[in-house]
Amino acid sequence: MSTPLQGPLHIVLLGPPASGKGTQGKALAASLSLGYLSTGALLREHVENRTELGQRAAPILARGEYLPDDLMCPILGDWLQKQTGGWVLDGFPRSLAQAEYLENWLNDHQQKLSAALSLEVPYDQLLTRIQGRVECPECRWSGQIAQLIDGQKCPVCGARASRRSDDDLENFRSRHREFVTNTRPVIDFYSKRGTLHTCDASSPQEVVAAKLKALLVAPEASA
C-alpha cells in the first residue's frame, strides 16, 4: 500500500529552464497549502526594482549565469526562517554548495527534506517553450502566450504580461549549460540520499501536476 509523505512537507523542484518548475511549484504549493519561493522570480523583482541585490544580480542574470552561492544562500536562509509550515522551493538549490547549505539548515532546525522532484523535458521541447513564454510583472504568473487573455493579459490578475527579459535564445542556452554543469550534480546528490523522484514533464501541465502529486502520495514510485 502506498504511504504518503508525513507532515510538514519540504520539497525542492529541480529541472532545466522552461521545464515548468514555476507553474508546477505554484500549483503544488496551492494544492497542499505550502509556502512557495521562486528564487528566479524573486531576483527578477529585485532587478526591476533596482534594489542593491538587483543591481548586483542584473549583469549576472543578463549573461544567463547563476548567482554566486554567497549571495543566494543568505536569501534562502532568510526566507526559510520566516516559514511556519511546509514549503516548495523552485530554483534552489542550483549547486552542490547550495544543496549542502539547505541540508545543514534543515539539520540545524531539526527538519528534513521530504522530496526532491526533478522535472525531465527533452531539449527541443524546452526550446519551443522558451520562445512562447511570458510572465506577469504583478503576480509573477508564468506561462505561454496562448494562455493570455486577449493575447496580452495575465489569466490570474489581468495585468499585462510580457516576455521574460532572460528568455532570448543565447541566454537560454547559457542557463541550460549552467544547469548541466551545476545542477545535474545536485540531482545526483539527492539520488544518493534517496529523496529524488523524477517526473516526465513533457506532458500537458495538468498531467504533470497529477504525476507530481502521485509521487508525494507514493514516494517509492517515479513518473
N, C-alpha and C. Protein backbone atom coordinates (compact mmCIF):
# COMPACT_ATOMS: atom_id res chain seq x y z
N MET A 1 0.84 -1.20 0.00
CA MET A 1 0.00 0.00 0.00
C MET A 1 0.87 1.24 0.00
N SER A 2 0.50 2.26 -0.78
CA SER A 2 1.26 3.49 -0.85
C SER A 2 1.09 4.29 0.43
N THR A 3 2.18 4.85 0.91
CA THR A 3 2.16 5.66 2.13
C THR A 3 2.54 7.09 1.80
N PRO A 4 1.65 8.07 2.09
CA PRO A 4 2.00 9.45 1.79
C PRO A 4 3.12 9.94 2.68
N LEU A 5 3.89 10.90 2.17
CA LEU A 5 4.92 11.53 2.99
C LEU A 5 4.26 12.21 4.17
N GLN A 6 4.93 12.15 5.30
CA GLN A 6 4.35 12.68 6.53
C GLN A 6 4.78 14.11 6.78
N GLY A 7 3.91 14.73 7.52
CA GLY A 7 3.90 16.09 7.76
C GLY A 7 4.86 17.07 7.89
N PRO A 8 5.13 18.29 8.12
CA PRO A 8 5.21 19.39 7.15
C PRO A 8 6.13 19.04 5.98
N LEU A 9 5.62 19.18 4.79
CA LEU A 9 6.37 18.82 3.59
C LEU A 9 7.39 19.89 3.22
N HIS A 10 8.60 19.45 2.95
CA HIS A 10 9.66 20.33 2.48
C HIS A 10 10.15 19.77 1.14
N ILE A 11 9.86 20.49 0.06
CA ILE A 11 10.05 19.97 -1.29
C ILE A 11 10.92 20.92 -2.11
N VAL A 12 11.86 20.37 -2.87
CA VAL A 12 12.60 21.18 -3.83
C VAL A 12 12.26 20.69 -5.23
N LEU A 13 12.10 21.64 -6.15
CA LEU A 13 11.83 21.34 -7.55
C LEU A 13 13.08 21.61 -8.37
N LEU A 14 13.53 20.60 -9.10
CA LEU A 14 14.73 20.71 -9.92
C LEU A 14 14.36 20.51 -11.38
N GLY A 15 15.12 21.13 -12.27
CA GLY A 15 14.87 20.95 -13.69
C GLY A 15 15.50 22.07 -14.49
N PRO A 16 15.70 21.85 -15.78
CA PRO A 16 16.30 22.88 -16.64
C PRO A 16 15.36 24.06 -16.83
N PRO A 17 15.85 25.17 -17.37
CA PRO A 17 14.97 26.31 -17.65
C PRO A 17 13.86 25.90 -18.62
N ALA A 18 12.64 26.39 -18.33
CA ALA A 18 11.45 26.12 -19.15
C ALA A 18 10.89 24.72 -18.95
N SER A 19 11.32 24.02 -17.90
CA SER A 19 10.79 22.68 -17.63
C SER A 19 9.46 22.74 -16.89
N GLY A 20 9.06 23.93 -16.44
CA GLY A 20 7.76 24.07 -15.76
C GLY A 20 7.85 24.16 -14.26
N LYS A 21 9.03 24.44 -13.72
CA LYS A 21 9.18 24.49 -12.26
C LYS A 21 8.25 25.52 -11.62
N GLY A 22 8.17 26.70 -12.22
CA GLY A 22 7.32 27.75 -11.65
C GLY A 22 5.86 27.37 -11.66
N THR A 23 5.39 26.92 -12.80
CA THR A 23 3.98 26.52 -12.94
C THR A 23 3.63 25.40 -11.98
N GLN A 24 4.45 24.36 -11.97
CA GLN A 24 4.16 23.20 -11.13
C GLN A 24 4.40 23.50 -9.65
N GLY A 25 5.41 24.32 -9.36
CA GLY A 25 5.68 24.66 -7.97
C GLY A 25 4.53 25.42 -7.33
N LYS A 26 4.00 26.40 -8.05
CA LYS A 26 2.86 27.17 -7.53
C LYS A 26 1.64 26.29 -7.36
N ALA A 27 1.37 25.43 -8.35
CA ALA A 27 0.21 24.55 -8.27
C ALA A 27 0.33 23.58 -7.11
N LEU A 28 1.51 23.01 -6.93
CA LEU A 28 1.74 22.07 -5.84
C LEU A 28 1.59 22.75 -4.49
N ALA A 29 2.18 23.93 -4.35
CA ALA A 29 2.08 24.67 -3.09
C ALA A 29 0.64 25.02 -2.77
N ALA A 30 -0.12 25.45 -3.77
CA ALA A 30 -1.51 25.83 -3.54
C ALA A 30 -2.36 24.62 -3.15
N SER A 31 -2.15 23.49 -3.81
CA SER A 31 -2.97 22.31 -3.54
C SER A 31 -2.66 21.68 -2.19
N LEU A 32 -1.44 21.90 -1.69
CA LEU A 32 -1.03 21.29 -0.42
C LEU A 32 -0.90 22.32 0.71
N SER A 33 -1.29 23.57 0.42
CA SER A 33 -1.22 24.66 1.42
C SER A 33 0.20 24.83 1.95
N LEU A 34 1.15 24.93 1.03
CA LEU A 34 2.55 25.09 1.39
C LEU A 34 3.05 26.48 0.98
N GLY A 35 4.08 26.96 1.66
CA GLY A 35 4.74 28.17 1.22
C GLY A 35 5.46 27.91 -0.08
N TYR A 36 5.67 28.96 -0.87
CA TYR A 36 6.32 28.78 -2.18
C TYR A 36 7.32 29.89 -2.42
N LEU A 37 8.51 29.52 -2.89
CA LEU A 37 9.51 30.51 -3.25
C LEU A 37 10.12 30.17 -4.60
N SER A 38 10.03 31.12 -5.52
CA SER A 38 10.76 31.04 -6.79
C SER A 38 11.93 32.00 -6.67
N THR A 39 13.13 31.48 -6.57
CA THR A 39 14.29 32.38 -6.45
C THR A 39 14.47 33.20 -7.72
N GLY A 40 14.12 32.62 -8.88
CA GLY A 40 14.24 33.36 -10.13
C GLY A 40 13.32 34.56 -10.17
N ALA A 41 12.05 34.36 -9.80
CA ALA A 41 11.09 35.47 -9.79
C ALA A 41 11.49 36.52 -8.76
N LEU A 42 11.99 36.06 -7.61
CA LEU A 42 12.43 36.99 -6.57
C LEU A 42 13.57 37.86 -7.08
N LEU A 43 14.53 37.25 -7.76
CA LEU A 43 15.67 38.01 -8.28
C LEU A 43 15.25 38.97 -9.38
N ARG A 44 14.35 38.53 -10.26
CA ARG A 44 13.88 39.43 -11.32
C ARG A 44 13.15 40.63 -10.73
N GLU A 45 12.43 40.41 -9.64
CA GLU A 45 11.74 41.52 -8.97
C GLU A 45 12.75 42.51 -8.40
N HIS A 46 13.82 41.99 -7.83
CA HIS A 46 14.87 42.88 -7.30
C HIS A 46 15.51 43.68 -8.43
N VAL A 47 15.73 43.03 -9.57
CA VAL A 47 16.33 43.73 -10.72
C VAL A 47 15.40 44.84 -11.20
N GLU A 48 14.11 44.53 -11.33
CA GLU A 48 13.14 45.53 -11.81
C GLU A 48 13.02 46.71 -10.84
N ASN A 49 13.14 46.43 -9.54
CA ASN A 49 13.02 47.49 -8.53
C ASN A 49 14.35 48.18 -8.24
N ARG A 50 15.41 47.73 -8.91
CA ARG A 50 16.74 48.33 -8.78
C ARG A 50 17.22 48.39 -7.32
N THR A 51 16.97 47.31 -6.60
CA THR A 51 17.48 47.22 -5.24
C THR A 51 18.99 46.96 -5.29
N GLU A 52 19.64 47.01 -4.13
CA GLU A 52 21.08 46.73 -4.10
C GLU A 52 21.37 45.33 -4.64
N LEU A 53 20.56 44.36 -4.18
CA LEU A 53 20.73 42.99 -4.68
C LEU A 53 20.45 42.94 -6.18
N GLY A 54 19.41 43.65 -6.62
CA GLY A 54 19.06 43.65 -8.03
C GLY A 54 20.17 44.20 -8.90
N GLN A 55 20.84 45.24 -8.44
CA GLN A 55 21.92 45.82 -9.22
C GLN A 55 23.12 44.88 -9.31
N ARG A 56 23.35 44.10 -8.25
CA ARG A 56 24.43 43.11 -8.30
C ARG A 56 24.05 41.93 -9.18
N ALA A 57 22.75 41.59 -9.15
CA ALA A 57 22.29 40.40 -9.87
C ALA A 57 22.11 40.65 -11.36
N ALA A 58 21.74 41.88 -11.74
CA ALA A 58 21.35 42.18 -13.13
C ALA A 58 22.37 41.73 -14.17
N PRO A 59 23.65 42.10 -14.06
CA PRO A 59 24.60 41.69 -15.10
C PRO A 59 24.84 40.19 -15.13
N ILE A 60 24.73 39.55 -13.97
CA ILE A 60 24.92 38.09 -13.91
C ILE A 60 23.77 37.38 -14.61
N LEU A 61 22.54 37.81 -14.31
CA LEU A 61 21.37 37.20 -14.93
C LEU A 61 21.34 37.48 -16.43
N ALA A 62 21.80 38.67 -16.83
CA ALA A 62 21.81 39.03 -18.25
C ALA A 62 22.72 38.11 -19.05
N ARG A 63 23.73 37.56 -18.39
CA ARG A 63 24.65 36.62 -19.07
C ARG A 63 24.13 35.18 -19.03
N GLY A 64 22.98 34.98 -18.37
CA GLY A 64 22.44 33.63 -18.26
C GLY A 64 23.18 32.78 -17.25
N GLU A 65 23.81 33.42 -16.27
CA GLU A 65 24.58 32.70 -15.26
C GLU A 65 23.80 32.65 -13.94
N TYR A 66 24.21 31.71 -13.08
CA TYR A 66 23.62 31.62 -11.75
C TYR A 66 24.32 32.60 -10.82
N LEU A 67 23.56 33.10 -9.83
CA LEU A 67 24.18 33.96 -8.83
C LEU A 67 25.12 33.15 -7.95
N PRO A 68 26.20 33.76 -7.45
CA PRO A 68 27.12 33.04 -6.57
C PRO A 68 26.41 32.53 -5.32
N ASP A 69 26.92 31.43 -4.80
CA ASP A 69 26.33 30.83 -3.61
C ASP A 69 26.29 31.79 -2.43
N ASP A 70 27.32 32.64 -2.29
CA ASP A 70 27.36 33.53 -1.14
C ASP A 70 26.29 34.62 -1.21
N LEU A 71 25.68 34.81 -2.37
CA LEU A 71 24.53 35.71 -2.48
C LEU A 71 23.22 34.96 -2.27
N MET A 72 23.11 33.77 -2.87
CA MET A 72 21.85 33.04 -2.85
C MET A 72 21.54 32.41 -1.51
N CYS A 73 22.53 31.85 -0.84
CA CYS A 73 22.26 31.12 0.40
C CYS A 73 21.67 32.01 1.50
N PRO A 74 22.19 33.22 1.73
CA PRO A 74 21.56 34.08 2.75
C PRO A 74 20.13 34.46 2.40
N ILE A 75 19.84 34.66 1.11
CA ILE A 75 18.47 34.98 0.69
C ILE A 75 17.54 33.83 1.06
N LEU A 76 17.97 32.62 0.77
CA LEU A 76 17.17 31.44 1.07
C LEU A 76 17.01 31.25 2.57
N GLY A 77 18.11 31.39 3.31
CA GLY A 77 18.04 31.22 4.76
C GLY A 77 17.09 32.20 5.41
N ASP A 78 17.10 33.44 4.95
CA ASP A 78 16.20 34.46 5.49
C ASP A 78 14.75 34.10 5.22
N TRP A 79 14.47 33.60 4.02
CA TRP A 79 13.09 33.21 3.69
C TRP A 79 12.65 32.01 4.52
N LEU A 80 13.50 31.00 4.64
CA LEU A 80 13.15 29.81 5.41
C LEU A 80 12.85 30.16 6.86
N GLN A 81 13.60 31.10 7.40
CA GLN A 81 13.45 31.48 8.81
C GLN A 81 12.04 32.01 9.09
N LYS A 82 11.40 32.56 8.07
CA LYS A 82 10.07 33.16 8.25
C LYS A 82 8.93 32.16 8.06
N GLN A 83 9.24 30.95 7.61
CA GLN A 83 8.20 29.97 7.33
C GLN A 83 7.79 29.21 8.59
N THR A 84 6.49 29.01 8.73
CA THR A 84 5.98 28.30 9.91
C THR A 84 5.44 26.91 9.57
N GLY A 85 5.44 26.57 8.30
CA GLY A 85 4.94 25.26 7.88
C GLY A 85 5.80 24.69 6.77
N GLY A 86 5.19 23.86 5.94
CA GLY A 86 5.92 23.27 4.83
C GLY A 86 6.12 24.25 3.69
N TRP A 87 6.94 23.86 2.71
CA TRP A 87 7.24 24.76 1.60
C TRP A 87 7.69 24.01 0.36
N VAL A 88 7.65 24.74 -0.77
CA VAL A 88 8.18 24.27 -2.05
C VAL A 88 9.20 25.29 -2.52
N LEU A 89 10.40 24.83 -2.85
CA LEU A 89 11.45 25.71 -3.37
C LEU A 89 11.62 25.47 -4.87
N ASP A 90 11.54 26.54 -5.64
CA ASP A 90 11.74 26.49 -7.09
C ASP A 90 12.97 27.34 -7.41
N GLY A 91 14.03 26.68 -7.89
CA GLY A 91 15.24 27.42 -8.23
C GLY A 91 16.32 27.36 -7.16
N PHE A 92 16.11 26.56 -6.15
CA PHE A 92 17.12 26.36 -5.11
C PHE A 92 16.93 24.96 -4.56
N PRO A 93 18.02 24.19 -4.47
CA PRO A 93 19.42 24.52 -4.75
C PRO A 93 19.77 24.33 -6.23
N ARG A 94 20.73 25.14 -6.69
CA ARG A 94 21.21 25.03 -8.06
C ARG A 94 22.68 24.64 -8.12
N SER A 95 23.27 24.36 -6.97
CA SER A 95 24.67 23.91 -6.93
C SER A 95 24.83 22.99 -5.74
N LEU A 96 25.92 22.22 -5.73
CA LEU A 96 26.17 21.33 -4.59
C LEU A 96 26.33 22.12 -3.30
N ALA A 97 26.99 23.27 -3.38
CA ALA A 97 27.16 24.09 -2.17
C ALA A 97 25.81 24.53 -1.62
N GLN A 98 24.87 24.86 -2.50
CA GLN A 98 23.54 25.26 -2.06
C GLN A 98 22.78 24.07 -1.47
N ALA A 99 22.94 22.90 -2.07
CA ALA A 99 22.29 21.70 -1.55
C ALA A 99 22.81 21.38 -0.15
N GLU A 100 24.10 21.52 0.04
CA GLU A 100 24.70 21.27 1.35
C GLU A 100 24.26 22.33 2.36
N TYR A 101 24.15 23.58 1.90
CA TYR A 101 23.65 24.65 2.78
C TYR A 101 22.24 24.32 3.26
N LEU A 102 21.37 23.92 2.33
CA LEU A 102 19.99 23.59 2.70
C LEU A 102 19.94 22.40 3.64
N GLU A 103 20.74 21.39 3.37
CA GLU A 103 20.76 20.21 4.25
C GLU A 103 21.21 20.60 5.65
N ASN A 104 22.24 21.43 5.75
CA ASN A 104 22.72 21.87 7.06
C ASN A 104 21.68 22.72 7.77
N TRP A 105 20.99 23.59 7.02
CA TRP A 105 19.96 24.43 7.63
C TRP A 105 18.85 23.57 8.20
N LEU A 106 18.41 22.58 7.43
CA LEU A 106 17.35 21.69 7.90
C LEU A 106 17.80 20.92 9.14
N ASN A 107 19.02 20.41 9.14
CA ASN A 107 19.53 19.68 10.30
C ASN A 107 19.59 20.58 11.53
N ASP A 108 20.04 21.82 11.34
CA ASP A 108 20.15 22.76 12.46
C ASP A 108 18.78 23.09 13.06
N HIS A 109 17.73 22.97 12.25
CA HIS A 109 16.38 23.29 12.72
C HIS A 109 15.53 22.04 12.93
N GLN A 110 16.20 20.89 13.09
CA GLN A 110 15.53 19.62 13.34
C GLN A 110 14.43 19.33 12.31
N GLN A 111 14.75 19.60 11.06
CA GLN A 111 13.82 19.34 9.97
C GLN A 111 14.53 18.48 8.92
N LYS A 112 13.77 17.98 7.96
CA LYS A 112 14.38 17.20 6.89
C LYS A 112 13.65 17.46 5.57
N LEU A 113 14.34 17.17 4.48
CA LEU A 113 13.75 17.33 3.16
C LEU A 113 12.82 16.15 2.89
N SER A 114 11.61 16.45 2.44
CA SER A 114 10.65 15.39 2.14
C SER A 114 10.90 14.77 0.77
N ALA A 115 11.16 15.62 -0.23
CA ALA A 115 11.35 15.10 -1.59
C ALA A 115 12.05 16.13 -2.46
N ALA A 116 12.87 15.63 -3.37
CA ALA A 116 13.45 16.45 -4.45
C ALA A 116 12.82 15.94 -5.74
N LEU A 117 12.02 16.78 -6.37
CA LEU A 117 11.30 16.40 -7.59
C LEU A 117 12.03 16.97 -8.81
N SER A 118 12.47 16.09 -9.68
CA SER A 118 13.23 16.50 -10.86
C SER A 118 12.35 16.42 -12.10
N LEU A 119 12.15 17.56 -12.77
CA LEU A 119 11.33 17.61 -13.98
C LEU A 119 12.21 17.36 -15.20
N GLU A 120 11.85 16.37 -15.99
CA GLU A 120 12.63 15.99 -17.17
C GLU A 120 11.87 16.35 -18.45
N VAL A 121 12.50 17.15 -19.31
CA VAL A 121 11.90 17.58 -20.58
C VAL A 121 12.97 17.54 -21.67
N PRO A 122 12.66 16.99 -22.86
CA PRO A 122 13.65 16.97 -23.95
C PRO A 122 14.09 18.39 -24.33
N TYR A 123 15.33 18.51 -24.75
CA TYR A 123 15.91 19.82 -25.06
C TYR A 123 15.13 20.56 -26.14
N ASP A 124 14.70 19.85 -27.19
CA ASP A 124 13.98 20.53 -28.28
C ASP A 124 12.65 21.09 -27.81
N GLN A 125 12.02 20.42 -26.85
CA GLN A 125 10.76 20.93 -26.31
C GLN A 125 11.01 22.16 -25.43
N LEU A 126 12.12 22.17 -24.72
CA LEU A 126 12.48 23.34 -23.92
C LEU A 126 12.64 24.57 -24.83
N LEU A 127 13.28 24.37 -25.98
CA LEU A 127 13.47 25.47 -26.93
C LEU A 127 12.13 26.02 -27.41
N THR A 128 11.20 25.12 -27.69
CA THR A 128 9.87 25.56 -28.14
C THR A 128 9.16 26.35 -27.05
N ARG A 129 9.25 25.86 -25.83
CA ARG A 129 8.59 26.54 -24.71
C ARG A 129 9.16 27.94 -24.48
N ILE A 130 10.47 28.05 -24.56
CA ILE A 130 11.12 29.31 -24.23
C ILE A 130 10.70 30.42 -25.19
N GLN A 131 10.40 30.04 -26.43
CA GLN A 131 10.04 31.03 -27.44
C GLN A 131 8.65 31.60 -27.24
N GLY A 132 7.80 30.91 -26.47
CA GLY A 132 6.45 31.42 -26.25
C GLY A 132 6.14 31.74 -24.81
N ARG A 133 7.18 31.82 -23.97
CA ARG A 133 6.94 32.02 -22.54
C ARG A 133 6.77 33.49 -22.19
N VAL A 134 5.83 33.78 -21.30
CA VAL A 134 5.58 35.13 -20.82
C VAL A 134 5.43 35.11 -19.30
N GLU A 135 5.57 36.28 -18.69
CA GLU A 135 5.45 36.39 -17.23
C GLU A 135 4.70 37.67 -16.88
N CYS A 136 3.92 37.61 -15.82
CA CYS A 136 3.19 38.78 -15.33
C CYS A 136 4.07 39.52 -14.32
N PRO A 137 4.29 40.83 -14.49
CA PRO A 137 5.13 41.58 -13.55
C PRO A 137 4.45 41.86 -12.21
N GLU A 138 3.13 41.65 -12.15
CA GLU A 138 2.39 41.94 -10.92
C GLU A 138 2.32 40.73 -9.99
N CYS A 139 1.77 39.61 -10.48
CA CYS A 139 1.60 38.43 -9.62
C CYS A 139 2.64 37.35 -9.87
N ARG A 140 3.52 37.56 -10.88
CA ARG A 140 4.59 36.64 -11.22
C ARG A 140 4.10 35.32 -11.80
N TRP A 141 2.86 35.31 -12.30
CA TRP A 141 2.41 34.14 -13.06
C TRP A 141 3.31 33.98 -14.27
N SER A 142 3.61 32.73 -14.61
CA SER A 142 4.44 32.45 -15.78
C SER A 142 3.77 31.37 -16.61
N GLY A 143 3.72 31.57 -17.92
CA GLY A 143 3.09 30.58 -18.77
C GLY A 143 3.38 30.86 -20.23
N GLN A 144 2.50 30.39 -21.10
CA GLN A 144 2.67 30.54 -22.54
C GLN A 144 1.76 31.63 -23.10
N ILE A 145 2.18 32.22 -24.22
CA ILE A 145 1.40 33.28 -24.86
C ILE A 145 -0.03 32.84 -25.10
N ALA A 146 -0.23 31.58 -25.48
CA ALA A 146 -1.56 31.07 -25.79
C ALA A 146 -2.50 31.11 -24.59
N GLN A 147 -1.95 31.20 -23.38
CA GLN A 147 -2.78 31.22 -22.18
C GLN A 147 -3.25 32.62 -21.81
N LEU A 148 -2.73 33.65 -22.46
CA LEU A 148 -3.09 35.02 -22.12
C LEU A 148 -4.51 35.35 -22.55
N ILE A 149 -5.15 36.24 -21.80
CA ILE A 149 -6.48 36.74 -22.15
C ILE A 149 -6.31 37.85 -23.18
N ASP A 150 -7.02 37.75 -24.29
CA ASP A 150 -6.92 38.73 -25.38
C ASP A 150 -5.48 38.89 -25.88
N GLY A 151 -4.69 37.83 -25.71
CA GLY A 151 -3.34 37.85 -26.23
C GLY A 151 -2.34 38.66 -25.45
N GLN A 152 -2.75 39.27 -24.31
CA GLN A 152 -1.81 40.11 -23.58
C GLN A 152 -2.02 40.15 -22.07
N LYS A 153 -3.20 39.76 -21.57
CA LYS A 153 -3.49 39.90 -20.15
C LYS A 153 -3.23 38.61 -19.38
N CYS A 154 -2.65 38.77 -18.19
CA CYS A 154 -2.41 37.64 -17.29
C CYS A 154 -3.73 36.96 -16.93
N PRO A 155 -3.83 35.63 -17.04
CA PRO A 155 -5.07 34.93 -16.71
C PRO A 155 -5.37 34.90 -15.21
N VAL A 156 -4.41 35.28 -14.38
CA VAL A 156 -4.62 35.26 -12.93
C VAL A 156 -5.08 36.61 -12.41
N CYS A 157 -4.35 37.69 -12.75
CA CYS A 157 -4.68 39.01 -12.19
C CYS A 157 -5.11 40.04 -13.22
N GLY A 158 -4.97 39.73 -14.50
CA GLY A 158 -5.41 40.65 -15.54
C GLY A 158 -4.40 41.70 -15.95
N ALA A 159 -3.24 41.74 -15.30
CA ALA A 159 -2.21 42.71 -15.69
C ALA A 159 -1.60 42.31 -17.03
N ARG A 160 -0.93 43.24 -17.66
CA ARG A 160 -0.31 42.97 -18.96
C ARG A 160 0.96 42.13 -18.77
N ALA A 161 0.99 40.98 -19.39
CA ALA A 161 2.15 40.09 -19.31
C ALA A 161 3.07 40.34 -20.51
N SER A 162 4.31 39.94 -20.37
CA SER A 162 5.28 40.15 -21.45
C SER A 162 6.34 39.07 -21.41
N ARG A 163 7.15 39.01 -22.45
CA ARG A 163 8.26 38.06 -22.49
C ARG A 163 9.22 38.34 -21.35
N ARG A 164 9.80 37.28 -20.80
CA ARG A 164 10.80 37.45 -19.76
C ARG A 164 12.09 37.99 -20.36
N SER A 165 12.73 38.87 -19.61
CA SER A 165 13.95 39.51 -20.12
C SER A 165 15.09 38.51 -20.33
N ASP A 166 15.03 37.37 -19.64
CA ASP A 166 16.11 36.39 -19.74
C ASP A 166 15.78 35.23 -20.69
N ASP A 167 14.77 35.42 -21.54
CA ASP A 167 14.33 34.32 -22.40
C ASP A 167 14.79 34.41 -23.85
N ASP A 168 15.81 35.22 -24.14
CA ASP A 168 16.34 35.17 -25.50
C ASP A 168 17.13 33.87 -25.66
N LEU A 169 17.32 33.45 -26.89
CA LEU A 169 17.87 32.12 -27.17
C LEU A 169 19.26 31.91 -26.58
N GLU A 170 20.14 32.89 -26.73
CA GLU A 170 21.50 32.73 -26.23
C GLU A 170 21.52 32.65 -24.71
N ASN A 171 20.66 33.46 -24.06
CA ASN A 171 20.56 33.42 -22.61
C ASN A 171 20.07 32.05 -22.16
N PHE A 172 19.07 31.51 -22.86
CA PHE A 172 18.56 30.19 -22.52
C PHE A 172 19.66 29.13 -22.63
N ARG A 173 20.41 29.18 -23.73
CA ARG A 173 21.48 28.19 -23.91
C ARG A 173 22.51 28.27 -22.80
N SER A 174 22.81 29.50 -22.38
CA SER A 174 23.76 29.69 -21.29
C SER A 174 23.21 29.12 -19.99
N ARG A 175 21.93 29.40 -19.71
CA ARG A 175 21.32 28.88 -18.48
C ARG A 175 21.22 27.36 -18.51
N HIS A 176 20.99 26.79 -19.70
CA HIS A 176 20.93 25.34 -19.79
C HIS A 176 22.30 24.73 -19.54
N ARG A 177 23.35 25.37 -20.05
CA ARG A 177 24.72 24.88 -19.76
C ARG A 177 25.00 24.96 -18.26
N GLU A 178 24.56 26.05 -17.63
CA GLU A 178 24.74 26.19 -16.18
C GLU A 178 24.02 25.05 -15.45
N PHE A 179 22.82 24.72 -15.93
CA PHE A 179 22.06 23.63 -15.32
C PHE A 179 22.82 22.31 -15.42
N VAL A 180 23.31 22.00 -16.61
CA VAL A 180 24.03 20.74 -16.81
C VAL A 180 25.27 20.68 -15.94
N THR A 181 26.00 21.79 -15.87
CA THR A 181 27.26 21.83 -15.12
C THR A 181 27.04 21.83 -13.62
N ASN A 182 26.10 22.64 -13.14
CA ASN A 182 25.96 22.87 -11.70
C ASN A 182 24.81 22.12 -11.03
N THR A 183 23.70 21.95 -11.75
CA THR A 183 22.52 21.37 -11.09
C THR A 183 22.39 19.87 -11.31
N ARG A 184 22.92 19.34 -12.40
CA ARG A 184 22.92 17.88 -12.56
C ARG A 184 23.60 17.19 -11.37
N PRO A 185 24.71 17.71 -10.85
CA PRO A 185 25.31 17.10 -9.66
C PRO A 185 24.39 17.17 -8.44
N VAL A 186 23.52 18.18 -8.37
CA VAL A 186 22.56 18.28 -7.26
C VAL A 186 21.55 17.14 -7.35
N ILE A 187 21.13 16.82 -8.58
CA ILE A 187 20.21 15.70 -8.78
C ILE A 187 20.85 14.40 -8.30
N ASP A 188 22.13 14.20 -8.61
CA ASP A 188 22.85 13.02 -8.12
C ASP A 188 22.95 13.04 -6.60
N PHE A 189 23.15 14.22 -6.02
CA PHE A 189 23.24 14.40 -4.57
C PHE A 189 21.99 13.86 -3.89
N TYR A 190 20.82 14.23 -4.41
CA TYR A 190 19.57 13.79 -3.80
C TYR A 190 19.26 12.34 -4.13
N SER A 191 19.73 11.87 -5.28
CA SER A 191 19.54 10.47 -5.63
C SER A 191 20.25 9.57 -4.62
N LYS A 192 21.47 9.95 -4.25
CA LYS A 192 22.24 9.17 -3.28
C LYS A 192 21.60 9.19 -1.90
N ARG A 193 20.83 10.23 -1.60
CA ARG A 193 20.17 10.33 -0.29
C ARG A 193 18.78 9.70 -0.29
N GLY A 194 18.35 9.21 -1.44
CA GLY A 194 17.07 8.52 -1.51
C GLY A 194 15.86 9.42 -1.51
N THR A 195 16.04 10.71 -1.76
CA THR A 195 14.90 11.63 -1.75
C THR A 195 14.51 12.10 -3.15
N LEU A 196 15.23 11.64 -4.18
CA LEU A 196 14.98 12.11 -5.54
C LEU A 196 13.86 11.31 -6.21
N HIS A 197 12.96 12.04 -6.87
CA HIS A 197 11.89 11.42 -7.66
C HIS A 197 11.81 12.17 -8.99
N THR A 198 11.94 11.45 -10.09
CA THR A 198 11.92 12.09 -11.41
C THR A 198 10.53 12.03 -12.02
N CYS A 199 10.23 13.04 -12.82
CA CYS A 199 8.91 13.13 -13.44
C CYS A 199 9.06 13.58 -14.89
N ASP A 200 8.46 12.85 -15.81
CA ASP A 200 8.42 13.27 -17.21
C ASP A 200 7.50 14.49 -17.29
N ALA A 201 8.09 15.66 -17.52
CA ALA A 201 7.32 16.90 -17.52
C ALA A 201 7.05 17.41 -18.93
N SER A 202 7.10 16.52 -19.92
CA SER A 202 6.84 16.93 -21.30
C SER A 202 5.35 16.90 -21.63
N SER A 203 4.54 16.37 -20.72
CA SER A 203 3.10 16.27 -20.93
C SER A 203 2.42 17.61 -20.63
N PRO A 204 1.11 17.75 -20.92
CA PRO A 204 0.38 18.96 -20.56
C PRO A 204 0.46 19.24 -19.06
N GLN A 205 0.31 20.51 -18.68
CA GLN A 205 0.51 20.94 -17.29
C GLN A 205 -0.30 20.14 -16.29
N GLU A 206 -1.59 19.90 -16.59
CA GLU A 206 -2.44 19.21 -15.63
C GLU A 206 -2.02 17.76 -15.44
N VAL A 207 -1.46 17.15 -16.50
CA VAL A 207 -0.98 15.77 -16.39
C VAL A 207 0.26 15.72 -15.51
N VAL A 208 1.17 16.67 -15.72
CA VAL A 208 2.39 16.73 -14.90
C VAL A 208 2.03 16.98 -13.44
N ALA A 209 1.07 17.88 -13.20
CA ALA A 209 0.65 18.18 -11.82
C ALA A 209 0.14 16.93 -11.13
N ALA A 210 -0.64 16.12 -11.83
CA ALA A 210 -1.17 14.88 -11.26
C ALA A 210 -0.04 13.90 -10.97
N LYS A 211 0.95 13.84 -11.85
CA LYS A 211 2.09 12.95 -11.64
C LYS A 211 2.87 13.34 -10.38
N LEU A 212 3.09 14.65 -10.21
CA LEU A 212 3.86 15.12 -9.06
C LEU A 212 3.13 14.82 -7.75
N LYS A 213 1.82 15.04 -7.73
CA LYS A 213 1.06 14.74 -6.52
C LYS A 213 1.10 13.24 -6.23
N ALA A 214 1.06 12.43 -7.28
CA ALA A 214 1.13 10.98 -7.10
C ALA A 214 2.47 10.56 -6.51
N LEU A 215 3.54 11.25 -6.90
CA LEU A 215 4.86 10.94 -6.36
C LEU A 215 4.91 11.19 -4.86
N LEU A 216 4.19 12.21 -4.40
CA LEU A 216 4.19 12.52 -2.97
C LEU A 216 3.31 11.56 -2.19
N VAL A 217 2.31 11.00 -2.85
CA VAL A 217 1.45 10.00 -2.20
C VAL A 217 2.14 8.64 -2.19
N ALA A 218 2.85 8.36 -3.28
CA ALA A 218 3.56 7.08 -3.41
C ALA A 218 5.02 7.36 -3.71
N PRO A 219 5.80 7.82 -2.69
CA PRO A 219 7.17 8.25 -2.94
C PRO A 219 8.12 7.17 -3.42
N GLU A 220 7.71 5.91 -3.34
CA GLU A 220 8.59 4.85 -3.84
C GLU A 220 8.50 4.72 -5.35
N ALA A 221 7.52 5.42 -5.95
CA ALA A 221 7.33 5.32 -7.40
C ALA A 221 7.99 6.49 -8.10
N SER A 222 8.14 6.40 -9.41
CA SER A 222 8.60 7.53 -10.21
C SER A 222 7.71 7.64 -11.42
N ALA A 223 7.55 8.88 -11.94
CA ALA A 223 6.63 9.08 -13.05
C ALA A 223 7.38 9.21 -14.36
